């Protein structure tokens, strides 16, 4: 079974799970784009804005960080 992330909906599902695990309260996704071999998902929450970078081949979250203001 392949874990390849083929579309933005799958990437958003992973980002939602990541935000939940990180304890972000009241978040929403503000953008999704594919850059080379990664999906980049932008999240806005009460505690700030975040970027989730997901490996498109494996579905693994490789980076989760706040966005500099």
PDB file of N, CA and C in Angstrom:
ATOM      1  N   UNK A   1       0.841  -1.184   0.000  1.00  0.00           N
ATOM      2  CA  UNK A   1       0.000   0.000   0.000  1.00  0.00           C
ATOM      3  C   UNK A   1       0.883   1.243   0.000  1.00  0.00           C
ATOM      4  N   UNK A   2       0.594   2.163  -0.886  1.00  0.00           N
ATOM      5  CA  UNK A   2       1.382   3.374  -1.027  1.00  0.00           C
ATOM      6  C   UNK A   2       0.850   4.468  -0.099  1.00  0.00           C
ATOM      7  N   UNK A   3       1.748   5.223   0.488  1.00  0.00           N
ATOM      8  CA  UNK A   3       1.364   6.359   1.320  1.00  0.00           C
ATOM      9  C   UNK A   3       1.478   7.663   0.559  1.00  0.00           C
ATOM     10  N   UNK A   4       1.636   7.590  -0.760  1.00  0.00           N
ATOM     11  CA  UNK A   4       1.811   8.779  -1.592  1.00  0.00           C
ATOM     12  C   UNK A   4       0.611   9.710  -1.447  1.00  0.00           C
ATOM     13  N   UNK A   5       0.897  10.993  -1.288  1.00  0.00           N
ATOM     14  CA  UNK A   5      -0.139  12.015  -1.175  1.00  0.00           C
ATOM     15  C   UNK A   5      -0.350  12.585  -2.572  1.00  0.00           C
ATOM     16  N   UNK A   6      -1.513  12.285  -3.159  1.00  0.00           N
ATOM     17  CA  UNK A   6      -1.755  12.627  -4.557  1.00  0.00           C
ATOM     18  C   UNK A   6      -2.529  13.916  -4.750  1.00  0.00           C
ATOM     19  N   UNK A   7      -3.212  14.393  -3.704  1.00  0.00           N
ATOM     20  CA  UNK A   7      -3.979  15.625  -3.894  1.00  0.00           C
ATOM     21  C   UNK A   7      -3.998  16.465  -2.616  1.00  0.00           C
ATOM     22  N   UNK A   8      -4.491  17.680  -2.766  1.00  0.00           N
ATOM     23  CA  UNK A   8      -4.502  18.641  -1.662  1.00  0.00           C
ATOM     24  C   UNK A   8      -5.387  18.188  -0.512  1.00  0.00           C
ATOM     25  N   UNK A   9      -6.455  17.465  -0.808  1.00  0.00           N
ATOM     26  CA  UNK A   9      -7.355  16.990   0.245  1.00  0.00           C
ATOM     27  C   UNK A   9      -6.632  16.063   1.211  1.00  0.00           C
ATOM     28  N   UNK A  10      -5.821  15.159   0.683  1.00  0.00           N
ATOM     29  CA  UNK A  10      -5.048  14.262   1.541  1.00  0.00           C
ATOM     30  C   UNK A  10      -4.050  15.052   2.378  1.00  0.00           C
ATOM     31  N   UNK A  11      -3.406  16.037   1.775  1.00  0.00           N
ATOM     32  CA  UNK A  11      -2.440  16.868   2.505  1.00  0.00           C
ATOM     33  C   UNK A  11      -3.134  17.641   3.622  1.00  0.00           C
ATOM     34  N   UNK A  12      -4.336  18.149   3.361  1.00  0.00           N
ATOM     35  CA  UNK A  12      -5.073  18.881   4.390  1.00  0.00           C
ATOM     36  C   UNK A  12      -5.480  17.962   5.540  1.00  0.00           C
ATOM     37  N   UNK A  13      -5.833  16.725   5.247  1.00  0.00           N
ATOM     38  CA  UNK A  13      -6.175  15.767   6.310  1.00  0.00           C
ATOM     39  C   UNK A  13      -4.993  15.548   7.247  1.00  0.00           C
ATOM     40  N   UNK A  14      -3.813  15.391   6.676  1.00  0.00           N
ATOM     41  CA  UNK A  14      -2.604  15.201   7.482  1.00  0.00           C
ATOM     42  C   UNK A  14      -2.311  16.454   8.306  1.00  0.00           C
ATOM     43  N   UNK A  15      -2.455  17.629   7.695  1.00  0.00           N
ATOM     44  CA  UNK A  15      -2.203  18.886   8.408  1.00  0.00           C
ATOM     45  C   UNK A  15      -3.202  19.076   9.553  1.00  0.00           C
ATOM     46  N   UNK A  16      -4.460  18.707   9.337  1.00  0.00           N
ATOM     47  CA  UNK A  16      -5.462  18.810  10.407  1.00  0.00           C
ATOM     48  C   UNK A  16      -5.093  17.925  11.590  1.00  0.00           C
ATOM     49  N   UNK A  17      -4.644  16.712  11.321  1.00  0.00           N
ATOM     50  CA  UNK A  17      -4.225  15.802  12.398  1.00  0.00           C
ATOM     51  C   UNK A  17      -3.007  16.359  13.126  1.00  0.00           C
ATOM     52  N   UNK A  18      -2.097  16.962  12.384  1.00  0.00           N
ATOM     53  CA  UNK A  18      -0.898  17.553  12.977  1.00  0.00           C
ATOM     54  C   UNK A  18      -1.267  18.713  13.892  1.00  0.00           C
ATOM     55  N   UNK A  19      -2.166  19.583  13.440  1.00  0.00           N
ATOM     56  CA  UNK A  19      -2.603  20.730  14.245  1.00  0.00           C
ATOM     57  C   UNK A  19      -3.285  20.255  15.524  1.00  0.00           C
ATOM     58  N   UNK A  20      -4.089  19.217  15.410  1.00  0.00           N
ATOM     59  CA  UNK A  20      -4.779  18.674  16.574  1.00  0.00           C
ATOM     60  C   UNK A  20      -3.775  18.120  17.582  1.00  0.00           C
ATOM     61  N   UNK A  21      -2.794  17.349  17.094  1.00  0.00           N
ATOM     62  CA  UNK A  21      -1.770  16.789  17.983  1.00  0.00           C
ATOM     63  C   UNK A  21      -0.930  17.876  18.633  1.00  0.00           C
ATOM     64  N   UNK A  22      -0.715  18.988  17.908  1.00  0.00           N
ATOM     65  CA  UNK A  22       0.092  20.088  18.435  1.00  0.00           C
ATOM     66  C   UNK A  22      -0.672  20.936  19.449  1.00  0.00           C
ATOM     67  N   UNK A  23      -1.970  20.697  19.574  1.00  0.00           N
ATOM     68  CA  UNK A  23      -2.759  21.432  20.548  1.00  0.00           C
ATOM     69  C   UNK A  23      -3.194  22.809  20.086  1.00  0.00           C
ATOM     70  N   UNK A  24      -3.179  23.044  18.791  1.00  0.00           N
ATOM     71  CA  UNK A  24      -3.648  24.329  18.270  1.00  0.00           C
ATOM     72  C   UNK A  24      -5.169  24.379  18.430  1.00  0.00           C
ATOM     73  N   UNK A  25      -5.654  25.522  18.900  1.00  0.00           N
ATOM     74  CA  UNK A  25      -7.084  25.678  19.146  1.00  0.00           C
ATOM     75  C   UNK A  25      -7.705  26.512  18.036  1.00  0.00           C
ATOM     76  N   UNK A  26      -8.844  26.064  17.546  1.00  0.00           N
ATOM     77  CA  UNK A  26      -9.608  26.785  16.522  1.00  0.00           C
ATOM     78  C   UNK A  26      -8.744  27.195  15.330  1.00  0.00           C
ATOM     79  N   UNK A  27      -8.363  26.248  14.532  1.00  0.00           N
ATOM     80  CA  UNK A  27      -7.536  26.522  13.369  1.00  0.00           C
ATOM     81  C   UNK A  27      -8.334  26.334  12.084  1.00  0.00           C
ATOM     82  N   UNK A  28      -7.815  26.915  11.026  1.00  0.00           N
ATOM     83  CA  UNK A  28      -8.345  26.654   9.699  1.00  0.00           C
ATOM     84  C   UNK A  28      -7.205  26.725   8.699  1.00  0.00           C
ATOM     85  N   UNK A  29      -7.360  26.031   7.613  1.00  0.00           N
ATOM     86  CA  UNK A  29      -6.329  25.979   6.576  1.00  0.00           C
ATOM     87  C   UNK A  29      -6.514  27.165   5.641  1.00  0.00           C
ATOM     88  N   UNK A  30      -5.432  27.904   5.420  1.00  0.00           N
ATOM     89  CA  UNK A  30      -5.509  29.094   4.577  1.00  0.00           C
ATOM     90  C   UNK A  30      -4.864  28.900   3.208  1.00  0.00           C
ATOM     91  N   UNK A  31      -4.147  27.801   3.034  1.00  0.00           N
ATOM     92  CA  UNK A  31      -3.528  27.559   1.730  1.00  0.00           C
ATOM     93  C   UNK A  31      -2.866  26.197   1.648  1.00  0.00           C
ATOM     94  N   UNK A  32      -2.876  25.649   0.441  1.00  0.00           N
ATOM     95  CA  UNK A  32      -2.220  24.369   0.169  1.00  0.00           C
ATOM     96  C   UNK A  32      -1.573  24.473  -1.202  1.00  0.00           C
ATOM     97  N   UNK A  33      -0.324  24.039  -1.288  1.00  0.00           N
ATOM     98  CA  UNK A  33       0.352  24.037  -2.590  1.00  0.00           C
ATOM     99  C   UNK A  33       1.378  22.912  -2.619  1.00  0.00           C
ATOM    100  N   UNK A  34       1.697  22.472  -3.807  1.00  0.00           N
ATOM    101  CA  UNK A  34       2.721  21.443  -3.960  1.00  0.00           C
ATOM    102  C   UNK A  34       3.983  22.111  -4.497  1.00  0.00           C
ATOM    103  N   UNK A  35       5.089  21.867  -3.816  1.00  0.00           N
ATOM    104  CA  UNK A  35       6.396  22.381  -4.234  1.00  0.00           C
ATOM    105  C   UNK A  35       7.339  21.198  -4.368  1.00  0.00           C
ATOM    106  N   UNK A  36       7.672  20.860  -5.592  1.00  0.00           N
ATOM    107  CA  UNK A  36       8.544  19.729  -5.890  1.00  0.00           C
ATOM    108  C   UNK A  36       8.005  18.450  -5.262  1.00  0.00           C
ATOM    109  N   UNK A  37       8.674  17.913  -4.271  1.00  0.00           N
ATOM    110  CA  UNK A  37       8.259  16.639  -3.661  1.00  0.00           C
ATOM    111  C   UNK A  37       7.555  16.829  -2.322  1.00  0.00           C
ATOM    112  N   UNK A  38       7.087  18.052  -2.041  1.00  0.00           N
ATOM    113  CA  UNK A  38       6.435  18.339  -0.760  1.00  0.00           C
ATOM    114  C   UNK A  38       5.104  19.037  -0.964  1.00  0.00           C
ATOM    115  N   UNK A  39       4.177  18.762  -0.055  1.00  0.00           N
ATOM    116  CA  UNK A  39       2.955  19.537   0.061  1.00  0.00           C
ATOM    117  C   UNK A  39       3.185  20.548   1.182  1.00  0.00           C
ATOM    118  N   UNK A  40       2.847  21.805   0.946  1.00  0.00           N
ATOM    119  CA  UNK A  40       2.971  22.866   1.936  1.00  0.00           C
ATOM    120  C   UNK A  40       1.555  23.291   2.311  1.00  0.00           C
ATOM    121  N   UNK A  41       1.226  23.151   3.589  1.00  0.00           N
ATOM    122  CA  UNK A  41      -0.109  23.520   4.068  1.00  0.00           C
ATOM    123  C   UNK A  41       0.049  24.653   5.075  1.00  0.00           C
ATOM    124  N   UNK A  42      -0.700  25.718   4.876  1.00  0.00           N
ATOM    125  CA  UNK A  42      -0.668  26.872   5.769  1.00  0.00           C
ATOM    126  C   UNK A  42      -1.893  26.821   6.676  1.00  0.00           C
ATOM    127  N   UNK A  43      -1.643  27.003   7.977  1.00  0.00           N
ATOM    128  CA  UNK A  43      -2.704  26.928   8.988  1.00  0.00           C
ATOM    129  C   UNK A  43      -2.718  28.235   9.783  1.00  0.00           C
ATOM    130  N   UNK A  44      -3.923  28.740  10.060  1.00  0.00           N
ATOM    131  CA  UNK A  44      -4.082  29.890  10.952  1.00  0.00           C
ATOM    132  C   UNK A  44      -4.886  29.434  12.159  1.00  0.00           C
ATOM    133  N   UNK A  45      -4.402  29.791  13.333  1.00  0.00           N
ATOM    134  CA  UNK A  45      -5.086  29.435  14.574  1.00  0.00           C
ATOM    135  C   UNK A  45      -5.060  30.607  15.534  1.00  0.00           C
ATOM    136  N   UNK A  46      -5.667  30.429  16.684  1.00  0.00           N
ATOM    137  CA  UNK A  46      -5.672  31.501  17.676  1.00  0.00           C
ATOM    138  C   UNK A  46      -4.265  31.845  18.146  1.00  0.00           C
ATOM    139  N   UNK A  47      -3.387  30.855  18.139  1.00  0.00           N
ATOM    140  CA  UNK A  47      -2.020  31.084  18.628  1.00  0.00           C
ATOM    141  C   UNK A  47      -1.058  31.542  17.538  1.00  0.00           C
ATOM    142  N   UNK A  48      -1.526  31.709  16.311  1.00  0.00           N
ATOM    143  CA  UNK A  48      -0.671  32.198  15.231  1.00  0.00           C
ATOM    144  C   UNK A  48      -0.837  31.412  13.950  1.00  0.00           C
ATOM    145  N   UNK A  49       0.088  31.653  13.028  1.00  0.00           N
ATOM    146  CA  UNK A  49       0.079  30.974  11.735  1.00  0.00           C
ATOM    147  C   UNK A  49       1.200  29.949  11.694  1.00  0.00           C
ATOM    148  N   UNK A  50       0.954  28.844  10.988  1.00  0.00           N
ATOM    149  CA  UNK A  50       1.914  27.735  10.936  1.00  0.00           C
ATOM    150  C   UNK A  50       2.022  27.186   9.523  1.00  0.00           C
ATOM    151  N   UNK A  51       3.165  26.569   9.267  1.00  0.00           N
ATOM    152  CA  UNK A  51       3.416  25.869   8.007  1.00  0.00           C
ATOM    153  C   UNK A  51       3.647  24.395   8.339  1.00  0.00           C
ATOM    154  N   UNK A  52       2.973  23.518   7.592  1.00  0.00           N
ATOM    155  CA  UNK A  52       3.199  22.086   7.693  1.00  0.00           C
ATOM    156  C   UNK A  52       3.743  21.629   6.342  1.00  0.00           C
ATOM    157  N   UNK A  53       4.921  21.013   6.349  1.00  0.00           N
ATOM    158  CA  UNK A  53       5.523  20.496   5.116  1.00  0.00           C
ATOM    159  C   UNK A  53       5.455  18.975   5.166  1.00  0.00           C
ATOM    160  N   UNK A  54       4.849  18.396   4.123  1.00  0.00           N
ATOM    161  CA  UNK A  54       4.575  16.963   4.080  1.00  0.00           C
ATOM    162  C   UNK A  54       5.272  16.354   2.869  1.00  0.00           C
ATOM    163  N   UNK A  55       6.014  15.279   3.088  1.00  0.00           N
ATOM    164  CA  UNK A  55       6.658  14.553   1.992  1.00  0.00           C
ATOM    165  C   UNK A  55       5.558  13.917   1.148  1.00  0.00           C
ATOM    166  N   UNK A  56       5.500  14.264  -0.144  1.00  0.00           N
ATOM    167  CA  UNK A  56       4.435  13.780  -1.024  1.00  0.00           C
ATOM    168  C   UNK A  56       4.546  12.280  -1.296  1.00  0.00           C
ATOM    169  N   UNK A  57       5.734  11.724  -1.197  1.00  0.00           N
ATOM    170  CA  UNK A  57       5.930  10.296  -1.472  1.00  0.00           C
ATOM    171  C   UNK A  57       5.543   9.404  -0.302  1.00  0.00           C
ATOM    172  N   UNK A  58       5.783   9.887   0.923  1.00  0.00           N
ATOM    173  CA  UNK A  58       5.581   9.048   2.113  1.00  0.00           C
ATOM    174  C   UNK A  58       4.413   9.480   2.989  1.00  0.00           C
ATOM    175  N   UNK A  59       3.977  10.732   2.879  1.00  0.00           N
ATOM    176  CA  UNK A  59       2.934  11.255   3.750  1.00  0.00           C
ATOM    177  C   UNK A  59       3.450  11.680   5.107  1.00  0.00           C
ATOM    178  N   UNK A  60       4.761  11.666   5.285  1.00  0.00           N
ATOM    179  CA  UNK A  60       5.373  12.031   6.559  1.00  0.00           C
ATOM    180  C   UNK A  60       5.469  13.551   6.694  1.00  0.00           C
ATOM    181  N   UNK A  61       5.129  14.063   7.884  1.00  0.00           N
ATOM    182  CA  UNK A  61       5.312  15.483   8.182  1.00  0.00           C
ATOM    183  C   UNK A  61       6.788  15.688   8.464  1.00  0.00           C
ATOM    184  N   UNK A  62       7.442  16.507   7.645  1.00  0.00           N
ATOM    185  CA  UNK A  62       8.881  16.725   7.804  1.00  0.00           C
ATOM    186  C   UNK A  62       9.187  18.074   8.428  1.00  0.00           C
ATOM    187  N   UNK A  63       8.189  18.969   8.496  1.00  0.00           N
ATOM    188  CA  UNK A  63       8.411  20.264   9.107  1.00  0.00           C
ATOM    189  C   UNK A  63       7.073  20.832   9.579  1.00  0.00           C
ATOM    190  N   UNK A  64       7.078  21.341  10.793  1.00  0.00           N
ATOM    191  CA  UNK A  64       5.916  22.014  11.369  1.00  0.00           C
ATOM    192  C   UNK A  64       6.468  23.184  12.148  1.00  0.00           C
ATOM    193  N   UNK A  65       6.146  24.399  11.707  1.00  0.00           N
ATOM    194  CA  UNK A  65       6.749  25.551  12.353  1.00  0.00           C
ATOM    195  C   UNK A  65       5.844  26.770  12.251  1.00  0.00           C
ATOM    196  N   UNK A  66       6.007  27.710  13.184  1.00  0.00           N
ATOM    197  CA  UNK A  66       5.254  28.961  13.085  1.00  0.00           C
ATOM    198  C   UNK A  66       5.799  29.815  11.946  1.00  0.00           C
ATOM    199  N   UNK A  67       4.934  30.628  11.384  1.00  0.00           N
ATOM    200  CA  UNK A  67       5.323  31.552  10.322  1.00  0.00           C
ATOM    201  C   UNK A  67       5.787  32.843  10.987  1.00  0.00           C
ATOM    202  N   UNK A  68       6.917  33.362  10.561  1.00  0.00           N
ATOM    203  CA  UNK A  68       7.407  34.631  11.086  1.00  0.00           C
ATOM    204  C   UNK A  68       6.486  35.758  10.649  1.00  0.00           C
ATOM    205  N   UNK A  69       6.175  36.626  11.571  1.00  0.00           N
ATOM    206  CA  UNK A  69       5.260  37.735  11.273  1.00  0.00           C
ATOM    207  C   UNK A  69       5.974  38.874  10.603  1.00  0.00           C
TER     208      UNK A  69
END
